[in-house]
Amino acid sequence: MAALSFTKMQGCGNDYIYFDCFRQQVTDPAALAVRLSHRHKGIGGDGVILICPSEVADARMRMFNLDGSEGAMCGNGVRCVAKYVYDQGGGRKKELRIETRSGIKTCRIRKEDGQAALVTVDMGEADFAPAAVPVLLPGERVVGRRVRVAGGEYAITCVSMGNPHCVVFGGDPDGLDLAAIGPKFERDPLFPQGVNTEFIQVVDPHTLKMRVWERGSGETMACGTGACASAAAAIAGGCCPAGEDITVRLRGGELTIRVEGSRVWMTGEAVTVFTGTVEI
């Protein structure tokens, strides 16, 4: 039996169990994610994130969902990885580069009492091409298109932020039975690799309210890439202005998104909850 040190961190309520793989080796992280993420029989979290050495950046992030599947990107997670690297010494750089399966993300640190508190991430481009999502629909973009999906008819906007998103605009999402609707979107044949689905209310031109069903994890308190995708979708649909801050209100807090051209920046908190040791 081996003992592994971990750090529980959260960004906007999106909580993961982080393992420092600069100092220890973690085998079978997929099984570890399933076991430790359980809210009653484990540590509890939305998954497991490994902070690993990188040959091309300050650190490399690997993220595993509740079901053990490995994700390509996690916006709230990458902010927490940047905070961890910064707080642990990381050269005290104002900017850190974190390698992910969706490319290298540049993270700008804002500190408080000597530690990273807010992190702004260059999330790259919002890609509306159906093949990039992927979504099995024709055309150059799927923006506000009414289709049969998830057992009903919805107007959807599809966008890739390095992972697949389907954005649905409507009324207050608090009234949705997301546990019933979410899995239908995630597993619909329209999305051959599954999909993260955001249900959005436009509060005003600079404010969105969002609930999210994440592929492999179910409903979460927040989704950074989902907030980015939703802001980009709102701009594409004429609901919000480009080049200005958009506040996305999630169950776990708020994120600030700015879209200029096709490029997206996300700003939000990164918080250490506690540290500990678990026997495997």
C-alpha atoms as a PDB file:
ATOM      1  CA  MET A   1       0.000   0.000   0.000  1.00  0.00           C
ATOM      2  CA  ALA A   2       1.405   3.394  -1.030  1.00  0.00           C
ATOM      3  CA  ALA A   3       0.669   6.851   0.382  1.00  0.00           C
ATOM      4  CA  LEU A   4       0.052   9.690  -2.090  1.00  0.00           C
ATOM      5  CA  SER A   5      -0.014  13.370  -1.199  1.00  0.00           C
ATOM      6  CA  PHE A   6      -2.773  15.437  -2.778  1.00  0.00           C
ATOM      7  CA  THR A   7      -4.166  18.957  -2.804  1.00  0.00           C
ATOM      8  CA  LYS A   8      -7.892  19.613  -3.053  1.00  0.00           C
ATOM      9  CA  MET A   9      -8.469  22.796  -5.093  1.00  0.00           C
ATOM     10  CA  GLN A  10     -11.488  24.538  -6.578  1.00  0.00           C
ATOM     11  CA  GLY A  11     -12.155  27.182  -9.173  1.00  0.00           C
ATOM     12  CA  CYS A  12     -15.686  28.600  -9.197  1.00  0.00           C
ATOM     13  CA  GLY A  13     -16.837  25.512  -7.287  1.00  0.00           C
ATOM     14  CA  ASN A  14     -15.319  23.125  -9.840  1.00  0.00           C
ATOM     15  CA  ASP A  15     -13.302  20.937  -7.433  1.00  0.00           C
ATOM     16  CA  TYR A  16     -10.612  18.434  -8.328  1.00  0.00           C
ATOM     17  CA  ILE A  17      -8.073  16.315  -6.493  1.00  0.00           C
ATOM     18  CA  TYR A  18      -4.594  17.372  -7.623  1.00  0.00           C
ATOM     19  CA  PHE A  19      -1.494  15.167  -7.501  1.00  0.00           C
ATOM     20  CA  ASP A  20       1.987  16.674  -7.816  1.00  0.00           C
ATOM     21  CA  CYS A  21       3.772  14.318 -10.216  1.00  0.00           C
ATOM     22  CA  PHE A  22       6.995  16.313  -9.987  1.00  0.00           C
ATOM     23  CA  ARG A  23       7.474  14.692  -6.562  1.00  0.00           C
ATOM     24  CA  GLN A  24       5.638  11.371  -6.806  1.00  0.00           C
ATOM     25  CA  GLN A  25       4.456   8.809  -9.327  1.00  0.00           C
ATOM     26  CA  VAL A  26       0.754   8.123  -9.841  1.00  0.00           C
ATOM     27  CA  THR A  27      -0.187   4.885 -11.586  1.00  0.00           C
ATOM     28  CA  ASP A  28      -3.616   4.204 -13.095  1.00  0.00           C
ATOM     29  CA  PRO A  29      -5.036   7.720 -12.630  1.00  0.00           C
ATOM     30  CA  ALA A  30      -8.275   6.709 -14.380  1.00  0.00           C
ATOM     31  CA  ALA A  31      -9.115   4.173 -11.660  1.00  0.00           C
ATOM     32  CA  LEU A  32      -7.948   6.640  -9.043  1.00  0.00           C
ATOM     33  CA  ALA A  33     -10.393   9.249 -10.357  1.00  0.00           C
ATOM     34  CA  VAL A  34     -13.330   6.849 -10.086  1.00  0.00           C
ATOM     35  CA  ARG A  35     -12.382   5.800  -6.572  1.00  0.00           C
ATOM     36  CA  LEU A  36     -11.389   9.109  -5.003  1.00  0.00           C
ATOM     37  CA  SER A  37     -13.962  11.414  -6.611  1.00  0.00           C
ATOM     38  CA  HIS A  38     -16.869   9.703  -4.850  1.00  0.00           C
ATOM     39  CA  ARG A  39     -18.513  12.248  -2.534  1.00  0.00           C
ATOM     40  CA  HIS A  40     -19.273   9.721   0.223  1.00  0.00           C
ATOM     41  CA  LYS A  41     -16.684   6.951  -0.141  1.00  0.00           C
ATOM     42  CA  GLY A  42     -13.724   8.987  -1.375  1.00  0.00           C
ATOM     43  CA  ILE A  43     -12.166  12.425  -1.011  1.00  0.00           C
ATOM     44  CA  GLY A  44     -14.873  13.949  -3.198  1.00  0.00           C
ATOM     45  CA  GLY A  45     -14.409  15.967  -6.365  1.00  0.00           C
ATOM     46  CA  ASP A  46     -15.257  16.382 -10.028  1.00  0.00           C
ATOM     47  CA  GLY A  47     -12.241  14.248 -10.919  1.00  0.00           C
ATOM     48  CA  VAL A  48      -8.474  13.953 -10.602  1.00  0.00           C
ATOM     49  CA  ILE A  49      -5.822  16.228 -12.124  1.00  0.00           C
ATOM     50  CA  LEU A  50      -2.148  15.323 -12.412  1.00  0.00           C
ATOM     51  CA  ILE A  51       0.444  18.135 -12.391  1.00  0.00           C
ATOM     52  CA  CYS A  52       3.340  16.701 -14.391  1.00  0.00           C
ATOM     53  CA  PRO A  53       6.724  17.839 -15.734  1.00  0.00           C
ATOM     54  CA  SER A  54       6.709  19.229 -19.283  1.00  0.00           C
ATOM     55  CA  GLU A  55       9.431  19.588 -21.886  1.00  0.00           C
ATOM     56  CA  VAL A  56       7.713  22.579 -23.502  1.00  0.00           C
ATOM     57  CA  ALA A  57       5.987  24.441 -20.650  1.00  0.00           C
ATOM     58  CA  ASP A  58       6.179  25.124 -16.904  1.00  0.00           C
ATOM     59  CA  ALA A  59       3.968  22.094 -16.201  1.00  0.00           C
ATOM     60  CA  ARG A  60       1.715  19.583 -17.950  1.00  0.00           C
ATOM     61  CA  MET A  61      -1.870  18.923 -16.883  1.00  0.00           C
ATOM     62  CA  ARG A  62      -3.746  15.627 -17.235  1.00  0.00           C
ATOM     63  CA  MET A  63      -7.405  15.620 -16.218  1.00  0.00           C
ATOM     64  CA  PHE A  64      -9.591  12.587 -15.495  1.00  0.00           C
ATOM     65  CA  ASN A  65     -13.364  12.767 -15.129  1.00  0.00           C
ATOM     66  CA  LEU A  66     -15.577  11.037 -12.565  1.00  0.00           C
ATOM     67  CA  ASP A  67     -15.994   8.052 -14.869  1.00  0.00           C
ATOM     68  CA  GLY A  68     -12.242   7.673 -15.420  1.00  0.00           C
ATOM     69  CA  SER A  69     -12.211   9.098 -18.935  1.00  0.00           C
ATOM     70  CA  GLU A  70      -9.378  11.510 -19.729  1.00  0.00           C
ATOM     71  CA  GLY A  71     -10.463  14.996 -20.749  1.00  0.00           C
ATOM     72  CA  ALA A  72      -8.699  17.181 -23.280  1.00  0.00           C
ATOM     73  CA  MET A  73      -9.115  20.444 -21.405  1.00  0.00           C
ATOM     74  CA  CYS A  74     -10.477  21.925 -18.171  1.00  0.00           C
ATOM     75  CA  GLY A  75     -10.614  25.703 -17.813  1.00  0.00           C
ATOM     76  CA  ASN A  76     -11.111  25.803 -14.054  1.00  0.00           C
ATOM     77  CA  GLY A  77      -8.517  23.073 -13.658  1.00  0.00           C
ATOM     78  CA  VAL A  78      -5.814  24.850 -15.646  1.00  0.00           C
ATOM     79  CA  ARG A  79      -6.206  27.937 -13.427  1.00  0.00           C
ATOM     80  CA  CYS A  80      -5.692  25.800 -10.327  1.00  0.00           C
ATOM     81  CA  VAL A  81      -2.653  24.100 -11.865  1.00  0.00           C
ATOM     82  CA  ALA A  82      -1.169  27.539 -12.551  1.00  0.00           C
ATOM     83  CA  LYS A  83      -1.854  28.585  -8.958  1.00  0.00           C
ATOM     84  CA  TYR A  84      -0.245  25.416  -7.595  1.00  0.00           C
ATOM     85  CA  VAL A  85       2.897  25.840  -9.722  1.00  0.00           C
ATOM     86  CA  TYR A  86       3.131  29.539  -8.808  1.00  0.00           C
ATOM     87  CA  ASP A  87       2.603  28.979  -5.073  1.00  0.00           C
ATOM     88  CA  GLN A  88       5.106  26.125  -5.004  1.00  0.00           C
ATOM     89  CA  GLY A  89       7.869  28.308  -6.368  1.00  0.00           C
ATOM     90  CA  GLY A  90       7.445  28.217 -10.154  1.00  0.00           C
ATOM     91  CA  GLY A  91       9.993  31.010 -10.627  1.00  0.00           C
ATOM     92  CA  ARG A  92       7.379  33.519  -9.416  1.00  0.00           C
ATOM     93  CA  LYS A  93       6.689  34.343 -13.029  1.00  0.00           C
ATOM     94  CA  LYS A  94       3.832  36.702 -13.856  1.00  0.00           C
ATOM     95  CA  GLU A  95       2.899  34.304 -16.638  1.00  0.00           C
ATOM     96  CA  LEU A  96       3.003  30.517 -16.623  1.00  0.00           C
ATOM     97  CA  ARG A  97       2.605  28.126 -19.541  1.00  0.00           C
ATOM     98  CA  ILE A  98       0.606  24.964 -18.877  1.00  0.00           C
ATOM     99  CA  GLU A  99       0.623  22.118 -21.389  1.00  0.00           C
ATOM    100  CA  THR A 100      -2.734  20.371 -21.966  1.00  0.00           C
ATOM    101  CA  ARG A 101      -4.070  17.887 -24.492  1.00  0.00           C
ATOM    102  CA  SER A 102      -5.616  20.929 -26.209  1.00  0.00           C
ATOM    103  CA  GLY A 103      -2.320  22.783 -26.480  1.00  0.00           C
ATOM    104  CA  ILE A 104      -0.317  25.132 -24.280  1.00  0.00           C
ATOM    105  CA  LYS A 105      -2.332  27.657 -22.276  1.00  0.00           C
ATOM    106  CA  THR A 106      -0.727  30.901 -21.065  1.00  0.00           C
ATOM    107  CA  CYS A 107      -1.881  31.878 -17.573  1.00  0.00           C
ATOM    108  CA  ARG A 108      -1.454  35.386 -16.152  1.00  0.00           C
ATOM    109  CA  ILE A 109      -1.222  35.455 -12.361  1.00  0.00           C
ATOM    110  CA  ARG A 110      -2.729  38.051 -10.032  1.00  0.00           C
ATOM    111  CA  LYS A 111      -1.492  37.514  -6.507  1.00  0.00           C
ATOM    112  CA  GLU A 112      -2.819  38.320  -3.056  1.00  0.00           C
ATOM    113  CA  ASP A 113      -0.673  38.014   0.097  1.00  0.00           C
ATOM    114  CA  GLY A 114       2.102  36.528  -2.027  1.00  0.00           C
ATOM    115  CA  GLN A 115      -0.007  33.723  -3.507  1.00  0.00           C
ATOM    116  CA  ALA A 116      -1.923  33.373  -6.747  1.00  0.00           C
ATOM    117  CA  ALA A 117      -5.558  34.408  -6.309  1.00  0.00           C
ATOM    118  CA  LEU A 118      -6.984  35.267  -9.736  1.00  0.00           C
ATOM    119  CA  VAL A 119      -5.760  33.708 -12.966  1.00  0.00           C
ATOM    120  CA  THR A 120      -6.458  34.878 -16.517  1.00  0.00           C
ATOM    121  CA  VAL A 121      -6.063  32.151 -19.136  1.00  0.00           C
ATOM    122  CA  ASP A 122      -5.637  32.570 -22.869  1.00  0.00           C
ATOM    123  CA  MET A 123      -8.031  29.792 -23.816  1.00  0.00           C
ATOM    124  CA  GLY A 124      -7.251  29.925 -27.532  1.00  0.00           C
ATOM    125  CA  GLU A 125      -9.835  30.084 -30.282  1.00  0.00           C
ATOM    126  CA  ALA A 126     -13.514  29.253 -30.211  1.00  0.00           C
ATOM    127  CA  ASP A 127     -13.957  27.016 -33.241  1.00  0.00           C
ATOM    128  CA  PHE A 128     -17.468  26.802 -34.724  1.00  0.00           C
ATOM    129  CA  ALA A 129     -16.577  24.355 -37.521  1.00  0.00           C
ATOM    130  CA  PRO A 130     -18.808  21.254 -37.132  1.00  0.00           C
ATOM    131  CA  ALA A 131     -15.843  18.924 -37.736  1.00  0.00           C
ATOM    132  CA  ALA A 132     -13.907  20.564 -34.884  1.00  0.00           C
ATOM    133  CA  VAL A 133     -16.624  19.971 -32.286  1.00  0.00           C
ATOM    134  CA  PRO A 134     -17.455  17.360 -33.694  1.00  0.00           C
ATOM    135  CA  VAL A 135     -21.177  17.526 -34.526  1.00  0.00           C
ATOM    136  CA  LEU A 136     -22.733  15.669 -37.452  1.00  0.00           C
ATOM    137  CA  LEU A 137     -24.408  18.639 -39.110  1.00  0.00           C
ATOM    138  CA  PRO A 138     -23.637  20.305 -42.468  1.00  0.00           C
ATOM    139  CA  GLY A 139     -22.484  23.869 -43.043  1.00  0.00           C
ATOM    140  CA  GLU A 140     -19.615  26.072 -41.915  1.00  0.00           C
ATOM    141  CA  ARG A 141     -21.140  26.801 -38.482  1.00  0.00           C
ATOM    142  CA  VAL A 142     -23.979  25.588 -36.277  1.00  0.00           C
ATOM    143  CA  VAL A 143     -25.337  28.771 -34.656  1.00  0.00           C
ATOM    144  CA  GLY A 144     -28.888  28.891 -33.334  1.00  0.00           C
ATOM    145  CA  ARG A 145     -29.850  25.980 -35.582  1.00  0.00           C
ATOM    146  CA  ARG A 146     -33.090  24.185 -34.705  1.00  0.00           C
ATOM    147  CA  VAL A 147     -32.609  20.406 -34.803  1.00  0.00           C
ATOM    148  CA  ARG A 148     -34.000  17.205 -33.353  1.00  0.00           C
ATOM    149  CA  VAL A 149     -31.645  16.225 -30.544  1.00  0.00           C
ATOM    150  CA  ALA A 150     -31.830  14.637 -27.074  1.00  0.00           C
ATOM    151  CA  GLY A 151     -35.402  13.490 -27.698  1.00  0.00           C
ATOM    152  CA  GLY A 152     -36.737  16.972 -28.473  1.00  0.00           C
ATOM    153  CA  GLU A 153     -36.353  19.996 -30.710  1.00  0.00           C
ATOM    154  CA  TYR A 154     -33.811  22.611 -29.676  1.00  0.00           C
ATOM    155  CA  ALA A 155     -32.007  25.577 -31.202  1.00  0.00           C
ATOM    156  CA  ILE A 156     -28.340  24.766 -30.612  1.00  0.00           C
ATOM    157  CA  THR A 157     -24.995  26.444 -31.115  1.00  0.00           C
ATOM    158  CA  CYS A 158     -21.987  24.126 -31.303  1.00  0.00           C
ATOM    159  CA  VAL A 159     -18.434  25.226 -30.574  1.00  0.00           C
ATOM    160  CA  SER A 160     -15.108  23.628 -29.696  1.00  0.00           C
ATOM    161  CA  MET A 161     -12.880  25.043 -26.971  1.00  0.00           C
ATOM    162  CA  GLY A 162     -10.488  22.121 -27.346  1.00  0.00           C
ATOM    163  CA  ASN A 163     -13.427  19.982 -26.188  1.00  0.00           C
ATOM    164  CA  PRO A 164     -16.997  19.758 -27.551  1.00  0.00           C
ATOM    165  CA  HIS A 165     -19.798  22.097 -26.443  1.00  0.00           C
ATOM    166  CA  CYS A 166     -23.467  22.440 -27.310  1.00  0.00           C
ATOM    167  CA  VAL A 167     -25.013  25.706 -26.106  1.00  0.00           C
ATOM    168  CA  VAL A 168     -28.787  26.030 -25.664  1.00  0.00           C
ATOM    169  CA  PHE A 169     -30.333  29.447 -24.950  1.00  0.00           C
ATOM    170  CA  GLY A 170     -33.635  29.770 -23.120  1.00  0.00           C
ATOM    171  CA  GLY A 171     -35.207  30.885 -19.858  1.00  0.00           C
ATOM    172  CA  ASP A 172     -33.895  30.520 -16.315  1.00  0.00           C
ATOM    173  CA  PRO A 173     -31.979  27.201 -16.301  1.00  0.00           C
ATOM    174  CA  ASP A 174     -32.704  26.618 -12.599  1.00  0.00           C
ATOM    175  CA  GLY A 175     -36.032  25.050 -13.554  1.00  0.00           C
ATOM    176  CA  LEU A 176     -34.525  22.394 -15.813  1.00  0.00           C
ATOM    177  CA  ASP A 177     -34.430  18.708 -14.913  1.00  0.00           C
ATOM    178  CA  LEU A 178     -30.788  18.562 -15.924  1.00  0.00           C
ATOM    179  CA  ALA A 179     -30.290  15.029 -14.601  1.00  0.00           C
ATOM    180  CA  ALA A 180     -32.801  13.854 -17.200  1.00  0.00           C
ATOM    181  CA  ILE A 181     -31.912  16.163 -20.101  1.00  0.00           C
ATOM    182  CA  GLY A 182     -28.114  16.260 -19.745  1.00  0.00           C
ATOM    183  CA  PRO A 183     -27.340  12.590 -20.454  1.00  0.00           C
ATOM    184  CA  LYS A 184     -29.566  12.667 -23.554  1.00  0.00           C
ATOM    185  CA  PHE A 185     -27.452  15.456 -25.040  1.00  0.00           C
ATOM    186  CA  GLU A 186     -24.186  13.832 -23.970  1.00  0.00           C
ATOM    187  CA  ARG A 187     -25.038  10.536 -25.663  1.00  0.00           C
ATOM    188  CA  ASP A 188     -26.991  11.760 -28.684  1.00  0.00           C
ATOM    189  CA  PRO A 189     -25.659  10.274 -31.977  1.00  0.00           C
ATOM    190  CA  LEU A 190     -25.360  13.833 -33.295  1.00  0.00           C
ATOM    191  CA  PHE A 191     -22.203  14.091 -31.169  1.00  0.00           C
ATOM    192  CA  PRO A 192     -19.919  11.127 -31.986  1.00  0.00           C
ATOM    193  CA  GLN A 193     -17.485  11.938 -29.153  1.00  0.00           C
ATOM    194  CA  GLY A 194     -20.144  13.023 -26.655  1.00  0.00           C
ATOM    195  CA  VAL A 195     -20.678  16.654 -25.704  1.00  0.00           C
ATOM    196  CA  ASN A 196     -20.724  19.123 -22.827  1.00  0.00           C
ATOM    197  CA  THR A 197     -24.051  20.971 -22.809  1.00  0.00           C
ATOM    198  CA  GLU A 198     -24.623  24.479 -21.479  1.00  0.00           C
ATOM    199  CA  PHE A 199     -28.122  25.822 -20.789  1.00  0.00           C
ATOM    200  CA  ILE A 200     -28.007  29.624 -20.875  1.00  0.00           C
ATOM    201  CA  GLN A 201     -30.209  32.537 -19.915  1.00  0.00           C
ATOM    202  CA  VAL A 202     -29.164  35.930 -21.283  1.00  0.00           C
ATOM    203  CA  VAL A 203     -29.665  38.236 -18.285  1.00  0.00           C
ATOM    204  CA  ASP A 204     -28.380  41.305 -20.120  1.00  0.00           C
ATOM    205  CA  PRO A 205     -25.810  42.013 -22.884  1.00  0.00           C
ATOM    206  CA  HIS A 206     -22.933  41.539 -20.422  1.00  0.00           C
ATOM    207  CA  THR A 207     -24.328  38.791 -18.168  1.00  0.00           C
ATOM    208  CA  LEU A 208     -25.164  35.130 -18.771  1.00  0.00           C
ATOM    209  CA  LYS A 209     -26.600  32.590 -16.337  1.00  0.00           C
ATOM    210  CA  MET A 210     -25.482  29.017 -16.947  1.00  0.00           C
ATOM    211  CA  ARG A 211     -25.980  25.437 -15.863  1.00  0.00           C
ATOM    212  CA  VAL A 212     -23.825  22.728 -17.383  1.00  0.00           C
ATOM    213  CA  TRP A 213     -23.884  18.984 -17.942  1.00  0.00           C
ATOM    214  CA  GLU A 214     -20.316  17.817 -18.500  1.00  0.00           C
ATOM    215  CA  ARG A 215     -19.337  14.835 -20.581  1.00  0.00           C
ATOM    216  CA  GLY A 216     -18.075  12.122 -18.227  1.00  0.00           C
ATOM    217  CA  SER A 217     -18.923  14.004 -15.006  1.00  0.00           C
ATOM    218  CA  GLY A 218     -22.595  15.024 -15.079  1.00  0.00           C
ATOM    219  CA  GLU A 219     -23.753  18.351 -13.650  1.00  0.00           C
ATOM    220  CA  THR A 220     -20.932  20.353 -12.101  1.00  0.00           C
ATOM    221  CA  MET A 221     -20.845  23.624 -10.192  1.00  0.00           C
ATOM    222  CA  ALA A 222     -18.940  25.281 -13.027  1.00  0.00           C
ATOM    223  CA  CYS A 223     -17.212  24.632 -16.341  1.00  0.00           C
ATOM    224  CA  GLY A 224     -14.571  27.050 -17.572  1.00  0.00           C
ATOM    225  CA  THR A 225     -14.517  25.902 -21.189  1.00  0.00           C
ATOM    226  CA  GLY A 226     -18.320  25.863 -21.106  1.00  0.00           C
ATOM    227  CA  ALA A 227     -18.413  29.487 -19.950  1.00  0.00           C
ATOM    228  CA  CYS A 228     -16.038  30.396 -22.789  1.00  0.00           C
ATOM    229  CA  ALA A 229     -18.125  28.486 -25.328  1.00  0.00           C
ATOM    230  CA  SER A 230     -21.323  30.125 -24.061  1.00  0.00           C
ATOM    231  CA  ALA A 231     -19.910  33.646 -24.289  1.00  0.00           C
ATOM    232  CA  ALA A 232     -18.645  32.971 -27.817  1.00  0.00           C
ATOM    233  CA  ALA A 233     -22.050  31.514 -28.749  1.00  0.00           C
ATOM    234  CA  ALA A 234     -23.858  34.534 -27.289  1.00  0.00           C
ATOM    235  CA  ILE A 235     -21.709  36.863 -29.401  1.00  0.00           C
ATOM    236  CA  ALA A 236     -22.250  34.740 -32.514  1.00  0.00           C
ATOM    237  CA  GLY A 237     -26.009  34.892 -31.883  1.00  0.00           C
ATOM    238  CA  GLY A 238     -26.020  38.665 -31.424  1.00  0.00           C
ATOM    239  CA  CYS A 239     -26.870  38.573 -27.709  1.00  0.00           C
ATOM    240  CA  CYS A 240     -23.594  40.012 -26.353  1.00  0.00           C
ATOM    241  CA  PRO A 241     -20.920  42.368 -27.714  1.00  0.00           C
ATOM    242  CA  ALA A 242     -17.467  41.210 -28.754  1.00  0.00           C
ATOM    243  CA  GLY A 243     -14.365  42.716 -27.167  1.00  0.00           C
ATOM    244  CA  GLU A 244     -16.037  43.441 -23.814  1.00  0.00           C
ATOM    245  CA  ASP A 245     -16.156  41.578 -20.493  1.00  0.00           C
ATOM    246  CA  ILE A 246     -19.019  39.108 -20.129  1.00  0.00           C
ATOM    247  CA  THR A 247     -19.888  37.782 -16.669  1.00  0.00           C
ATOM    248  CA  VAL A 248     -21.012  34.165 -16.626  1.00  0.00           C
ATOM    249  CA  ARG A 249     -22.900  33.229 -13.466  1.00  0.00           C
ATOM    250  CA  LEU A 250     -22.579  29.558 -12.558  1.00  0.00           C
ATOM    251  CA  ARG A 251     -23.786  27.542  -9.598  1.00  0.00           C
ATOM    252  CA  GLY A 252     -20.336  27.810  -8.014  1.00  0.00           C
ATOM    253  CA  GLY A 253     -19.599  31.483  -8.682  1.00  0.00           C
ATOM    254  CA  GLU A 254     -18.734  33.789 -11.559  1.00  0.00           C
ATOM    255  CA  LEU A 255     -16.234  33.810 -14.413  1.00  0.00           C
ATOM    256  CA  THR A 256     -15.280  36.760 -16.584  1.00  0.00           C
ATOM    257  CA  ILE A 257     -14.965  36.003 -20.293  1.00  0.00           C
ATOM    258  CA  ARG A 258     -13.675  38.280 -23.044  1.00  0.00           C
ATOM    259  CA  VAL A 259     -13.824  37.322 -26.720  1.00  0.00           C
ATOM    260  CA  GLU A 260     -11.849  39.302 -29.287  1.00  0.00           C
ATOM    261  CA  GLY A 261     -12.107  37.956 -32.796  1.00  0.00           C
ATOM    262  CA  SER A 262     -12.145  34.208 -32.265  1.00  0.00           C
ATOM    263  CA  ARG A 263      -9.778  34.308 -29.270  1.00  0.00           C
ATOM    264  CA  VAL A 264     -11.110  33.827 -25.744  1.00  0.00           C
ATOM    265  CA  TRP A 265      -9.744  34.919 -22.355  1.00  0.00           C
ATOM    266  CA  MET A 266     -11.116  33.605 -19.065  1.00  0.00           C
ATOM    267  CA  THR A 267     -10.538  35.096 -15.601  1.00  0.00           C
ATOM    268  CA  GLY A 268     -11.514  33.488 -12.314  1.00  0.00           C
ATOM    269  CA  GLU A 269     -10.445  32.461  -8.863  1.00  0.00           C
ATOM    270  CA  ALA A 270      -8.195  29.535  -7.983  1.00  0.00           C
ATOM    271  CA  VAL A 271      -8.447  28.327  -4.381  1.00  0.00           C
ATOM    272  CA  THR A 272      -6.647  25.701  -2.298  1.00  0.00           C
ATOM    273  CA  VAL A 273      -9.198  23.927  -0.084  1.00  0.00           C
ATOM    274  CA  PHE A 274      -6.951  21.523   1.845  1.00  0.00           C
ATOM    275  CA  THR A 275      -4.027  19.145   1.510  1.00  0.00           C
ATOM    276  CA  GLY A 276      -3.782  15.546   2.634  1.00  0.00           C
ATOM    277  CA  THR A 277      -2.477  12.031   2.133  1.00  0.00           C
ATOM    278  CA  VAL A 278      -4.391   9.050   0.856  1.00  0.00           C
ATOM    279  CA  GLU A 279      -3.379   5.378   0.984  1.00  0.00           C
ATOM    280  CA  ILE A 280      -3.720   3.488  -2.301  1.00  0.00           C
END
